[in-house]
Amino acid sequence: MTATVAARWASEKVDLRWVIFFSLLADLVDKPVGLILFRETINNGRVYFHSLLVNLILTLILVLARKPLVYALALWLHQFCDLMWNRPWVALWPWTGAFGYRDLPLDQWVYSALNPYNLTTEALGLVIFIAIVARYRLYEKRSWRAWLRSGKLPPVEKAASSDFAGRVA
């Protein structure tokens, strides 16, 4: 969803590959750290990079490096979509102390994965992804490769329907 926002209002300086990276960064770091590295002590996929402190530091780094603000927006939209205000012990780390061990039985994990909020946001993200792929013809090898090389979406070709609208009027 973050990439969609960026695609609509991005300047020429924005590389959508970085928008995608920053929108996933918290999970790319925290899932392996919390669920694998600290499985015996934390067992939680939302730890350090889901905290306000780490996101403030990353935002400051991006601002000082004069990077497009949409990269920082991607970080913060991830926190918003994860409803981090419902987990103040994580969001306010390190001021709240240790994360504590999270014992999540299989039935609770299945419920959390299949709850209506998660299903709705994941479905919405999939619909937006499909719409972007269709609109910018990223299913074509040429368009896909151009996007991978540049991080920019290809220009949208004018539809023949505009010609039709002129004839009807």
C-alpha atoms as a PDB file:
ATOM      1  CA  MET A   1       0.000   0.000   0.000  1.00  0.00           C
ATOM      2  CA  THR A   2       2.895   2.334   0.743  1.00  0.00           C
ATOM      3  CA  ALA A   3       4.266   1.877  -2.760  1.00  0.00           C
ATOM      4  CA  THR A   4       0.884   2.887  -4.168  1.00  0.00           C
ATOM      5  CA  VAL A   5       0.904   6.149  -2.229  1.00  0.00           C
ATOM      6  CA  ALA A   6       4.438   6.785  -3.421  1.00  0.00           C
ATOM      7  CA  ALA A   7       3.601   5.952  -7.026  1.00  0.00           C
ATOM      8  CA  ARG A   8       0.738   8.445  -7.085  1.00  0.00           C
ATOM      9  CA  TRP A   9       2.555  11.417  -5.530  1.00  0.00           C
ATOM     10  CA  ALA A  10       6.220  10.622  -6.050  1.00  0.00           C
ATOM     11  CA  SER A  11       8.682  13.037  -7.494  1.00  0.00           C
ATOM     12  CA  GLU A  12      11.292  12.011 -10.025  1.00  0.00           C
ATOM     13  CA  LYS A  13      13.798  11.519  -7.188  1.00  0.00           C
ATOM     14  CA  VAL A  14      11.778   8.707  -5.576  1.00  0.00           C
ATOM     15  CA  ASP A  15      12.913   5.169  -6.244  1.00  0.00           C
ATOM     16  CA  LEU A  16       9.991   2.843  -5.549  1.00  0.00           C
ATOM     17  CA  ARG A  17      12.355  -0.034  -4.805  1.00  0.00           C
ATOM     18  CA  TRP A  18      13.493   1.925  -1.728  1.00  0.00           C
ATOM     19  CA  VAL A  19       9.883   2.686  -0.765  1.00  0.00           C
ATOM     20  CA  ILE A  20       9.166  -1.045  -0.782  1.00  0.00           C
ATOM     21  CA  PHE A  21      12.365  -1.735   1.181  1.00  0.00           C
ATOM     22  CA  PHE A  22      11.578   0.833   3.891  1.00  0.00           C
ATOM     23  CA  SER A  23       7.965  -0.304   4.160  1.00  0.00           C
ATOM     24  CA  LEU A  24       9.175  -3.866   4.847  1.00  0.00           C
ATOM     25  CA  LEU A  25      12.301  -3.016   6.870  1.00  0.00           C
ATOM     26  CA  ALA A  26      10.744  -3.515  10.318  1.00  0.00           C
ATOM     27  CA  ASP A  27       9.651  -7.047   9.445  1.00  0.00           C
ATOM     28  CA  LEU A  28      12.857  -7.861   7.544  1.00  0.00           C
ATOM     29  CA  VAL A  29      14.830  -7.157  10.727  1.00  0.00           C
ATOM     30  CA  ASP A  30      12.447  -8.024  13.563  1.00  0.00           C
ATOM     31  CA  LYS A  31      11.043 -11.341  12.341  1.00  0.00           C
ATOM     32  CA  PRO A  32      14.426 -13.105  12.172  1.00  0.00           C
ATOM     33  CA  VAL A  33      15.727 -11.365  15.308  1.00  0.00           C
ATOM     34  CA  GLY A  34      12.676 -11.915  17.512  1.00  0.00           C
ATOM     35  CA  LEU A  35      11.467 -15.269  16.212  1.00  0.00           C
ATOM     36  CA  ILE A  36      14.744 -17.019  15.391  1.00  0.00           C
ATOM     37  CA  LEU A  37      17.695 -15.374  17.130  1.00  0.00           C
ATOM     38  CA  PHE A  38      15.844 -14.692  20.411  1.00  0.00           C
ATOM     39  CA  ARG A  39      13.258 -17.467  20.173  1.00  0.00           C
ATOM     40  CA  GLU A  40      13.863 -18.669  23.728  1.00  0.00           C
ATOM     41  CA  THR A  41      13.719 -15.208  25.317  1.00  0.00           C
ATOM     42  CA  ILE A  42      11.426 -13.021  23.162  1.00  0.00           C
ATOM     43  CA  ASN A  43       9.610 -15.180  20.561  1.00  0.00           C
ATOM     44  CA  ASN A  44       8.010 -12.105  18.984  1.00  0.00           C
ATOM     45  CA  GLY A  45       8.339 -10.741  15.440  1.00  0.00           C
ATOM     46  CA  ARG A  46       7.676  -7.147  16.489  1.00  0.00           C
ATOM     47  CA  VAL A  47      10.598  -5.873  18.497  1.00  0.00           C
ATOM     48  CA  TYR A  48      13.302  -3.239  17.950  1.00  0.00           C
ATOM     49  CA  PHE A  49      12.451  -1.919  14.479  1.00  0.00           C
ATOM     50  CA  HIS A  50       8.787  -1.649  15.481  1.00  0.00           C
ATOM     51  CA  SER A  51       9.684   0.860  18.202  1.00  0.00           C
ATOM     52  CA  LEU A  52       9.227   4.607  17.934  1.00  0.00           C
ATOM     53  CA  LEU A  53      12.853   5.211  18.908  1.00  0.00           C
ATOM     54  CA  VAL A  54      14.335   3.182  16.049  1.00  0.00           C
ATOM     55  CA  ASN A  55      11.890   4.729  13.555  1.00  0.00           C
ATOM     56  CA  LEU A  56      12.712   8.240  14.798  1.00  0.00           C
ATOM     57  CA  ILE A  57      16.434   7.521  14.382  1.00  0.00           C
ATOM     58  CA  LEU A  58      15.905   6.126  10.868  1.00  0.00           C
ATOM     59  CA  THR A  59      13.744   9.128   9.952  1.00  0.00           C
ATOM     60  CA  LEU A  60      16.440  11.496  11.229  1.00  0.00           C
ATOM     61  CA  ILE A  61      19.080   9.668   9.175  1.00  0.00           C
ATOM     62  CA  LEU A  62      16.913   9.899   6.044  1.00  0.00           C
ATOM     63  CA  VAL A  63      16.239  13.608   6.603  1.00  0.00           C
ATOM     64  CA  LEU A  64      19.919  14.388   7.255  1.00  0.00           C
ATOM     65  CA  ALA A  65      20.866  12.411   4.142  1.00  0.00           C
ATOM     66  CA  ARG A  66      18.310  14.516   2.213  1.00  0.00           C
ATOM     67  CA  LYS A  67      16.429  11.471   0.995  1.00  0.00           C
ATOM     68  CA  PRO A  68      12.814  11.813  -0.212  1.00  0.00           C
ATOM     69  CA  LEU A  69      10.428  11.986   2.741  1.00  0.00           C
ATOM     70  CA  VAL A  70       8.292   9.240   1.243  1.00  0.00           C
ATOM     71  CA  TYR A  71      10.964   6.780   2.454  1.00  0.00           C
ATOM     72  CA  ALA A  72      10.328   7.848   6.046  1.00  0.00           C
ATOM     73  CA  LEU A  73       6.597   7.768   5.357  1.00  0.00           C
ATOM     74  CA  ALA A  74       7.007   4.124   4.337  1.00  0.00           C
ATOM     75  CA  LEU A  75       8.570   3.365   7.737  1.00  0.00           C
ATOM     76  CA  TRP A  76       5.733   5.063   9.605  1.00  0.00           C
ATOM     77  CA  LEU A  77       2.939   3.580   7.494  1.00  0.00           C
ATOM     78  CA  HIS A  78       4.245   0.142   8.425  1.00  0.00           C
ATOM     79  CA  GLN A  79       3.856   1.033  12.115  1.00  0.00           C
ATOM     80  CA  PHE A  80       0.369   2.395  11.456  1.00  0.00           C
ATOM     81  CA  CYS A  81      -0.722  -0.725   9.553  1.00  0.00           C
ATOM     82  CA  ASP A  82       0.667  -2.926  12.340  1.00  0.00           C
ATOM     83  CA  LEU A  83      -1.488  -1.016  14.865  1.00  0.00           C
ATOM     84  CA  MET A  84       1.532  -0.450  17.073  1.00  0.00           C
ATOM     85  CA  TRP A  85      -0.437   1.749  19.486  1.00  0.00           C
ATOM     86  CA  ASN A  86      -2.013  -1.540  20.640  1.00  0.00           C
ATOM     87  CA  ARG A  87       1.468  -2.736  21.690  1.00  0.00           C
ATOM     88  CA  PRO A  88       2.893   0.135  23.761  1.00  0.00           C
ATOM     89  CA  TRP A  89       5.474  -2.184  25.364  1.00  0.00           C
ATOM     90  CA  VAL A  90       7.024  -2.521  21.889  1.00  0.00           C
ATOM     91  CA  ALA A  91       6.298   0.941  20.487  1.00  0.00           C
ATOM     92  CA  LEU A  92       7.788   2.655  23.539  1.00  0.00           C
ATOM     93  CA  TRP A  93      10.856   0.419  23.865  1.00  0.00           C
ATOM     94  CA  PRO A  94      13.401   0.937  25.502  1.00  0.00           C
ATOM     95  CA  TRP A  95      11.450   3.009  28.041  1.00  0.00           C
ATOM     96  CA  THR A  96       9.110   0.086  28.784  1.00  0.00           C
ATOM     97  CA  GLY A  97      11.948  -2.344  29.539  1.00  0.00           C
ATOM     98  CA  ALA A  98      12.340  -5.821  28.118  1.00  0.00           C
ATOM     99  CA  PHE A  99       9.909  -7.187  25.549  1.00  0.00           C
ATOM    100  CA  GLY A 100       9.101 -10.294  27.558  1.00  0.00           C
ATOM    101  CA  TYR A 101       8.440 -13.775  26.217  1.00  0.00           C
ATOM    102  CA  ARG A 102       5.402 -14.196  23.984  1.00  0.00           C
ATOM    103  CA  ASP A 103       3.902 -17.649  24.132  1.00  0.00           C
ATOM    104  CA  LEU A 104       1.599 -17.903  21.139  1.00  0.00           C
ATOM    105  CA  PRO A 105      -0.205 -21.238  20.844  1.00  0.00           C
ATOM    106  CA  LEU A 106      -1.161 -22.402  17.348  1.00  0.00           C
ATOM    107  CA  ASP A 107      -4.859 -21.512  17.699  1.00  0.00           C
ATOM    108  CA  GLN A 108      -4.026 -17.919  18.716  1.00  0.00           C
ATOM    109  CA  TRP A 109      -1.515 -17.639  15.859  1.00  0.00           C
ATOM    110  CA  VAL A 110      -4.144 -18.840  13.361  1.00  0.00           C
ATOM    111  CA  TYR A 111      -6.681 -16.346  14.768  1.00  0.00           C
ATOM    112  CA  SER A 112      -4.213 -13.466  14.578  1.00  0.00           C
ATOM    113  CA  ALA A 113      -3.293 -14.391  10.986  1.00  0.00           C
ATOM    114  CA  LEU A 114      -6.924 -14.753   9.910  1.00  0.00           C
ATOM    115  CA  ASN A 115      -8.583 -11.943  11.851  1.00  0.00           C
ATOM    116  CA  PRO A 116     -10.732  -9.571   9.770  1.00  0.00           C
ATOM    117  CA  TYR A 117      -8.300  -6.626   9.984  1.00  0.00           C
ATOM    118  CA  ASN A 118      -5.374  -8.683   8.668  1.00  0.00           C
ATOM    119  CA  LEU A 119      -7.450 -10.338   5.958  1.00  0.00           C
ATOM    120  CA  THR A 120      -8.886  -6.996   4.828  1.00  0.00           C
ATOM    121  CA  THR A 121      -5.554  -5.174   4.690  1.00  0.00           C
ATOM    122  CA  GLU A 122      -3.797  -8.063   2.960  1.00  0.00           C
ATOM    123  CA  ALA A 123      -6.606  -8.368   0.394  1.00  0.00           C
ATOM    124  CA  LEU A 124      -6.546  -4.610  -0.192  1.00  0.00           C
ATOM    125  CA  GLY A 125      -2.783  -4.736  -0.690  1.00  0.00           C
ATOM    126  CA  LEU A 126      -3.173  -7.562  -3.208  1.00  0.00           C
ATOM    127  CA  VAL A 127      -5.848  -5.661  -5.153  1.00  0.00           C
ATOM    128  CA  ILE A 128      -3.654  -2.541  -5.245  1.00  0.00           C
ATOM    129  CA  PHE A 129      -0.656  -4.618  -6.343  1.00  0.00           C
ATOM    130  CA  ILE A 130      -2.657  -6.202  -9.171  1.00  0.00           C
ATOM    131  CA  ALA A 131      -3.961  -2.779 -10.230  1.00  0.00           C
ATOM    132  CA  ILE A 132      -0.412  -1.357 -10.387  1.00  0.00           C
ATOM    133  CA  VAL A 133       0.843  -4.365 -12.350  1.00  0.00           C
ATOM    134  CA  ALA A 134      -2.049  -4.015 -14.804  1.00  0.00           C
ATOM    135  CA  ARG A 135      -1.923  -0.203 -15.148  1.00  0.00           C
ATOM    136  CA  TYR A 136       1.824  -0.056 -15.742  1.00  0.00           C
ATOM    137  CA  ARG A 137       1.956  -3.365 -17.663  1.00  0.00           C
ATOM    138  CA  LEU A 138       4.518  -4.819 -15.291  1.00  0.00           C
ATOM    139  CA  TYR A 139       3.487  -8.265 -16.509  1.00  0.00           C
ATOM    140  CA  GLU A 140       5.403  -7.437 -19.701  1.00  0.00           C
ATOM    141  CA  LYS A 141       9.054  -8.395 -19.479  1.00  0.00           C
ATOM    142  CA  ARG A 142      10.201  -5.042 -20.916  1.00  0.00           C
ATOM    143  CA  SER A 143       8.229  -2.967 -18.367  1.00  0.00           C
ATOM    144  CA  TRP A 144       9.243  -5.215 -15.459  1.00  0.00           C
ATOM    145  CA  ARG A 145      12.941  -5.011 -16.335  1.00  0.00           C
ATOM    146  CA  ALA A 146      12.752  -1.230 -16.790  1.00  0.00           C
ATOM    147  CA  TRP A 147      11.185  -0.901 -13.333  1.00  0.00           C
ATOM    148  CA  LEU A 148      13.775  -3.186 -11.752  1.00  0.00           C
ATOM    149  CA  ARG A 149      16.609  -1.159 -13.324  1.00  0.00           C
ATOM    150  CA  SER A 150      15.301   2.315 -12.521  1.00  0.00           C
ATOM    151  CA  GLY A 151      12.830   2.028  -9.647  1.00  0.00           C
ATOM    152  CA  LYS A 152      10.466   4.204 -11.703  1.00  0.00           C
ATOM    153  CA  LEU A 153       7.132   3.104 -13.098  1.00  0.00           C
ATOM    154  CA  PRO A 154       6.925   3.262 -16.888  1.00  0.00           C
ATOM    155  CA  PRO A 155       4.707   5.932 -18.448  1.00  0.00           C
ATOM    156  CA  VAL A 156       1.089   4.899 -18.933  1.00  0.00           C
ATOM    157  CA  GLU A 157       0.151   4.636 -22.585  1.00  0.00           C
ATOM    158  CA  LYS A 158      -2.920   6.601 -23.627  1.00  0.00           C
ATOM    159  CA  ALA A 159      -5.888   4.310 -24.116  1.00  0.00           C
ATOM    160  CA  ALA A 160      -7.768   4.209 -27.383  1.00  0.00           C
ATOM    161  CA  SER A 161     -10.916   5.059 -25.386  1.00  0.00           C
ATOM    162  CA  SER A 162      -9.956   8.758 -25.414  1.00  0.00           C
ATOM    163  CA  ASP A 163     -10.337   8.652 -29.203  1.00  0.00           C
ATOM    164  CA  PHE A 164     -13.744   7.065 -28.761  1.00  0.00           C
ATOM    165  CA  ALA A 165     -14.824   9.778 -26.279  1.00  0.00           C
ATOM    166  CA  GLY A 166     -13.937  12.443 -28.862  1.00  0.00           C
ATOM    167  CA  ARG A 167     -16.136  10.841 -31.505  1.00  0.00           C
ATOM    168  CA  VAL A 168     -19.146  10.530 -29.186  1.00  0.00           C
ATOM    169  CA  ALA A 169     -19.134  14.213 -28.194  1.00  0.00           C
END
